[in-house]
């Protein structure tokens, strides 16, 4: 759910920047900036989490089958995006307790 919200915000900002670029007459510069921003966001999302996050994963593992499935699919290197999925699954199961 939060991923959908973030993507929606990113798409909305992309559209706003595009129309600002059209209005200002700087289409190429704006599109280059948009591409660089999206590339940076994708790079961060796919980068590996810090070692501290693996300790958190160890604490979450074994409590809920859905969360364990995501953890097993994500290992051995967990990206930031996968960590968000793991935490969302864990918190969702915790709230149903």
N, C-alpha and C. Protein backbone atom coordinates (compact mmCIF):
# COMPACT_ATOMS: atom_id res chain seq x y z
N UNK A 1 0.82 -1.19 0.00
CA UNK A 1 0.00 0.00 0.00
C UNK A 1 0.86 1.25 0.00
N UNK A 2 1.91 1.30 0.80
CA UNK A 2 2.76 2.48 0.85
C UNK A 2 3.58 2.61 -0.43
N UNK A 3 3.93 1.47 -1.05
CA UNK A 3 4.66 1.51 -2.31
C UNK A 3 3.81 2.16 -3.39
N UNK A 4 2.54 1.83 -3.43
CA UNK A 4 1.63 2.42 -4.41
C UNK A 4 1.53 3.93 -4.20
N UNK A 5 1.47 4.33 -2.94
CA UNK A 5 1.42 5.76 -2.63
C UNK A 5 2.69 6.47 -3.10
N UNK A 6 3.85 5.87 -2.83
CA UNK A 6 5.12 6.48 -3.24
C UNK A 6 5.23 6.58 -4.76
N UNK A 7 4.82 5.52 -5.45
CA UNK A 7 4.85 5.56 -6.91
C UNK A 7 3.89 6.62 -7.46
N UNK A 8 2.73 6.74 -6.84
CA UNK A 8 1.76 7.75 -7.26
C UNK A 8 2.32 9.15 -7.09
N UNK A 9 2.98 9.39 -5.97
CA UNK A 9 3.60 10.70 -5.72
C UNK A 9 4.71 10.95 -6.74
N UNK A 10 5.52 9.93 -7.01
CA UNK A 10 6.60 10.07 -7.99
C UNK A 10 6.08 10.39 -9.38
N UNK A 11 5.02 9.72 -9.78
CA UNK A 11 4.43 9.97 -11.09
C UNK A 11 3.82 11.36 -11.15
N UNK A 12 3.15 11.76 -10.08
CA UNK A 12 2.56 13.11 -10.03
C UNK A 12 3.65 14.17 -10.12
N UNK A 13 4.74 13.99 -9.39
CA UNK A 13 5.84 14.95 -9.46
C UNK A 13 6.48 14.99 -10.84
N UNK A 14 6.57 13.83 -11.48
CA UNK A 14 7.12 13.77 -12.83
C UNK A 14 6.26 14.59 -13.78
N UNK A 15 4.95 14.44 -13.68
CA UNK A 15 4.03 15.19 -14.54
C UNK A 15 4.13 16.69 -14.26
N UNK A 16 4.21 17.05 -12.98
CA UNK A 16 4.32 18.48 -12.62
C UNK A 16 5.61 19.07 -13.17
N UNK A 17 6.74 18.34 -12.98
CA UNK A 17 8.02 18.83 -13.51
C UNK A 17 7.97 18.95 -15.03
N UNK A 18 7.30 18.02 -15.68
CA UNK A 18 7.20 18.07 -17.13
C UNK A 18 6.48 19.35 -17.57
N UNK A 19 5.33 19.64 -16.95
CA UNK A 19 4.57 20.83 -17.34
C UNK A 19 5.31 22.12 -16.96
N UNK A 20 6.04 22.10 -15.88
CA UNK A 20 6.87 23.27 -15.55
C UNK A 20 7.95 23.47 -16.61
N UNK A 21 8.53 22.37 -17.06
CA UNK A 21 9.54 22.45 -18.11
C UNK A 21 8.98 22.96 -19.42
N UNK A 22 7.78 22.51 -19.77
CA UNK A 22 7.13 22.99 -20.99
C UNK A 22 6.83 24.48 -20.88
N UNK A 23 6.33 24.88 -19.71
CA UNK A 23 6.00 26.30 -19.50
C UNK A 23 7.25 27.17 -19.55
N UNK A 24 8.34 26.68 -18.96
CA UNK A 24 9.57 27.46 -18.91
C UNK A 24 10.39 27.32 -20.19
N UNK A 25 10.00 26.39 -21.06
CA UNK A 25 10.74 26.20 -22.30
C UNK A 25 12.03 25.43 -22.12
N UNK A 26 12.10 24.63 -21.08
CA UNK A 26 13.32 23.88 -20.78
C UNK A 26 13.01 22.38 -20.75
N UNK A 27 12.38 21.90 -21.80
CA UNK A 27 11.94 20.50 -21.82
C UNK A 27 13.09 19.52 -21.65
N UNK A 28 14.16 19.71 -22.39
CA UNK A 28 15.27 18.76 -22.34
C UNK A 28 15.90 18.70 -20.95
N UNK A 29 16.12 19.83 -20.36
CA UNK A 29 16.75 19.88 -19.03
C UNK A 29 15.86 19.21 -18.00
N UNK A 30 14.56 19.48 -18.08
CA UNK A 30 13.63 18.88 -17.12
C UNK A 30 13.58 17.38 -17.29
N UNK A 31 13.52 16.88 -18.52
CA UNK A 31 13.48 15.43 -18.74
C UNK A 31 14.77 14.76 -18.31
N UNK A 32 15.90 15.42 -18.51
CA UNK A 32 17.17 14.87 -18.02
C UNK A 32 17.15 14.80 -16.51
N UNK A 33 16.66 15.84 -15.86
CA UNK A 33 16.56 15.85 -14.40
C UNK A 33 15.62 14.75 -13.91
N UNK A 34 14.49 14.58 -14.57
CA UNK A 34 13.53 13.54 -14.18
C UNK A 34 14.16 12.16 -14.31
N UNK A 35 14.84 11.91 -15.41
CA UNK A 35 15.50 10.61 -15.61
C UNK A 35 16.55 10.37 -14.54
N UNK A 36 17.33 11.38 -14.22
CA UNK A 36 18.36 11.23 -13.18
C UNK A 36 17.74 10.98 -11.80
N UNK A 37 16.65 11.66 -11.50
CA UNK A 37 15.97 11.45 -10.21
C UNK A 37 15.42 10.04 -10.12
N UNK A 38 14.74 9.56 -11.17
CA UNK A 38 14.21 8.19 -11.16
C UNK A 38 15.33 7.17 -11.08
N UNK A 39 16.44 7.41 -11.78
CA UNK A 39 17.58 6.49 -11.74
C UNK A 39 18.15 6.41 -10.32
N UNK A 40 18.23 7.56 -9.66
CA UNK A 40 18.75 7.58 -8.28
C UNK A 40 17.81 6.83 -7.34
N UNK A 41 16.52 7.02 -7.51
CA UNK A 41 15.54 6.35 -6.65
C UNK A 41 15.61 4.84 -6.85
N UNK A 42 15.68 4.40 -8.10
CA UNK A 42 15.76 2.97 -8.39
C UNK A 42 17.06 2.39 -7.84
N UNK A 43 18.14 3.14 -7.96
CA UNK A 43 19.43 2.68 -7.43
C UNK A 43 19.38 2.49 -5.92
N UNK A 44 18.77 3.43 -5.22
CA UNK A 44 18.65 3.31 -3.76
C UNK A 44 17.76 2.13 -3.39
N UNK A 45 16.65 1.97 -4.09
CA UNK A 45 15.70 0.90 -3.77
C UNK A 45 16.29 -0.48 -4.00
N UNK A 46 17.20 -0.60 -4.96
CA UNK A 46 17.78 -1.91 -5.26
C UNK A 46 19.10 -2.15 -4.55
N UNK A 47 19.60 -1.18 -3.81
CA UNK A 47 20.85 -1.37 -3.09
C UNK A 47 20.63 -2.26 -1.86
N UNK A 48 21.71 -2.88 -1.42
CA UNK A 48 21.61 -3.80 -0.29
C UNK A 48 21.46 -3.03 1.02
N UNK A 49 20.69 -3.62 1.94
CA UNK A 49 20.47 -2.99 3.24
C UNK A 49 21.74 -3.07 4.09
N UNK A 50 21.76 -2.32 5.17
CA UNK A 50 22.89 -2.33 6.09
C UNK A 50 22.88 -3.61 6.93
N UNK A 51 24.01 -3.98 7.49
CA UNK A 51 24.08 -5.20 8.31
C UNK A 51 23.09 -5.22 9.47
N UNK A 52 22.77 -4.07 10.01
CA UNK A 52 21.81 -4.00 11.12
C UNK A 52 20.44 -4.54 10.71
N UNK A 53 20.08 -4.35 9.44
CA UNK A 53 18.78 -4.83 8.95
C UNK A 53 18.71 -6.35 8.97
N UNK A 54 19.85 -7.02 8.76
CA UNK A 54 19.85 -8.48 8.81
C UNK A 54 19.56 -8.98 10.23
N UNK A 55 19.97 -8.21 11.24
CA UNK A 55 19.62 -8.56 12.62
C UNK A 55 18.12 -8.44 12.84
N UNK A 56 17.52 -7.41 12.26
CA UNK A 56 16.06 -7.26 12.36
C UNK A 56 15.34 -8.42 11.67
N UNK A 57 15.87 -8.83 10.52
CA UNK A 57 15.27 -9.95 9.80
C UNK A 57 15.32 -11.23 10.63
N UNK A 58 16.45 -11.44 11.32
CA UNK A 58 16.57 -12.63 12.18
C UNK A 58 15.51 -12.62 13.28
N UNK A 59 15.20 -11.44 13.82
CA UNK A 59 14.19 -11.33 14.87
C UNK A 59 12.78 -11.58 14.33
N UNK A 60 12.54 -11.22 13.07
CA UNK A 60 11.21 -11.39 12.48
C UNK A 60 11.01 -12.81 11.94
N UNK A 61 12.10 -13.48 11.63
CA UNK A 61 12.00 -14.80 10.99
C UNK A 61 11.43 -15.84 11.96
N UNK A 62 10.56 -16.68 11.44
CA UNK A 62 9.98 -17.77 12.22
C UNK A 62 8.69 -17.43 12.93
N UNK A 63 8.22 -16.20 12.80
CA UNK A 63 6.99 -15.80 13.51
C UNK A 63 5.75 -15.93 12.64
N UNK A 64 5.87 -15.62 11.34
CA UNK A 64 4.72 -15.65 10.45
C UNK A 64 5.13 -16.27 9.12
N UNK A 65 4.32 -17.21 8.62
CA UNK A 65 4.67 -17.91 7.37
C UNK A 65 4.80 -16.98 6.15
N UNK A 66 3.92 -15.97 6.04
CA UNK A 66 3.99 -15.07 4.88
C UNK A 66 5.29 -14.26 4.91
N UNK A 67 5.65 -13.81 6.09
CA UNK A 67 6.87 -13.04 6.23
C UNK A 67 8.08 -13.92 5.95
N UNK A 68 8.06 -15.15 6.44
CA UNK A 68 9.17 -16.08 6.20
C UNK A 68 9.34 -16.36 4.70
N UNK A 69 8.23 -16.44 3.98
CA UNK A 69 8.30 -16.69 2.54
C UNK A 69 9.02 -15.53 1.84
N UNK A 70 8.68 -14.30 2.21
CA UNK A 70 9.32 -13.12 1.61
C UNK A 70 10.80 -13.09 1.98
N UNK A 71 11.12 -13.42 3.23
CA UNK A 71 12.51 -13.44 3.67
C UNK A 71 13.30 -14.46 2.88
N UNK A 72 12.76 -15.66 2.72
CA UNK A 72 13.47 -16.72 1.99
C UNK A 72 13.68 -16.36 0.53
N UNK A 73 12.71 -15.70 -0.08
CA UNK A 73 12.85 -15.28 -1.47
C UNK A 73 13.88 -14.16 -1.62
N UNK A 74 14.05 -13.35 -0.58
CA UNK A 74 14.95 -12.20 -0.64
C UNK A 74 16.40 -12.55 -0.38
N UNK A 75 16.64 -13.59 0.36
CA UNK A 75 18.01 -13.93 0.75
C UNK A 75 18.81 -14.41 -0.45
N UNK A 76 20.11 -14.28 -0.45
CA UNK A 76 21.04 -13.90 0.60
C UNK A 76 21.28 -12.39 0.69
N UNK A 77 21.06 -11.65 -0.40
CA UNK A 77 21.22 -10.19 -0.35
C UNK A 77 19.85 -9.55 -0.38
N UNK A 78 19.55 -8.76 0.63
CA UNK A 78 18.24 -8.13 0.75
C UNK A 78 18.37 -6.66 0.32
N UNK A 79 17.52 -6.26 -0.63
CA UNK A 79 17.53 -4.87 -1.07
C UNK A 79 16.63 -4.04 -0.16
N UNK A 80 16.73 -2.74 -0.30
CA UNK A 80 15.90 -1.84 0.49
C UNK A 80 14.43 -2.09 0.19
N UNK A 81 14.10 -2.29 -1.07
CA UNK A 81 12.71 -2.58 -1.46
C UNK A 81 12.22 -3.86 -0.81
N UNK A 82 13.04 -4.91 -0.83
CA UNK A 82 12.64 -6.17 -0.21
C UNK A 82 12.49 -6.03 1.31
N UNK A 83 13.33 -5.21 1.92
CA UNK A 83 13.22 -4.97 3.36
C UNK A 83 11.90 -4.28 3.69
N UNK A 84 11.48 -3.38 2.83
CA UNK A 84 10.19 -2.71 3.03
C UNK A 84 9.07 -3.73 2.95
N UNK A 85 9.14 -4.64 1.98
CA UNK A 85 8.12 -5.69 1.85
C UNK A 85 8.10 -6.59 3.09
N UNK A 86 9.27 -6.95 3.58
CA UNK A 86 9.36 -7.81 4.77
C UNK A 86 8.74 -7.11 5.98
N UNK A 87 9.12 -5.86 6.20
CA UNK A 87 8.58 -5.12 7.35
C UNK A 87 7.07 -4.92 7.24
N UNK A 88 6.59 -4.61 6.03
CA UNK A 88 5.15 -4.44 5.86
C UNK A 88 4.41 -5.72 6.18
N UNK A 89 4.92 -6.86 5.71
CA UNK A 89 4.29 -8.14 5.99
C UNK A 89 4.30 -8.43 7.49
N UNK A 90 5.43 -8.19 8.13
CA UNK A 90 5.56 -8.44 9.56
C UNK A 90 4.59 -7.56 10.36
N UNK A 91 4.56 -6.27 10.05
CA UNK A 91 3.68 -5.35 10.77
C UNK A 91 2.21 -5.66 10.53
N UNK A 92 1.89 -6.08 9.32
CA UNK A 92 0.51 -6.47 9.01
C UNK A 92 0.09 -7.66 9.87
N UNK A 93 0.97 -8.65 9.98
CA UNK A 93 0.67 -9.82 10.81
C UNK A 93 0.63 -9.48 12.30
N UNK A 94 1.49 -8.57 12.73
CA UNK A 94 1.51 -8.13 14.13
C UNK A 94 0.21 -7.43 14.49
N UNK A 95 -0.32 -6.64 13.57
CA UNK A 95 -1.54 -5.88 13.87
C UNK A 95 -2.76 -6.79 13.93
N UNK A 96 -2.70 -7.95 13.30
CA UNK A 96 -3.82 -8.90 13.32
C UNK A 96 -3.81 -9.76 14.57
N UNK A 97 -2.77 -9.70 15.35
CA UNK A 97 -2.63 -10.50 16.55
C UNK A 97 -3.65 -10.15 17.58
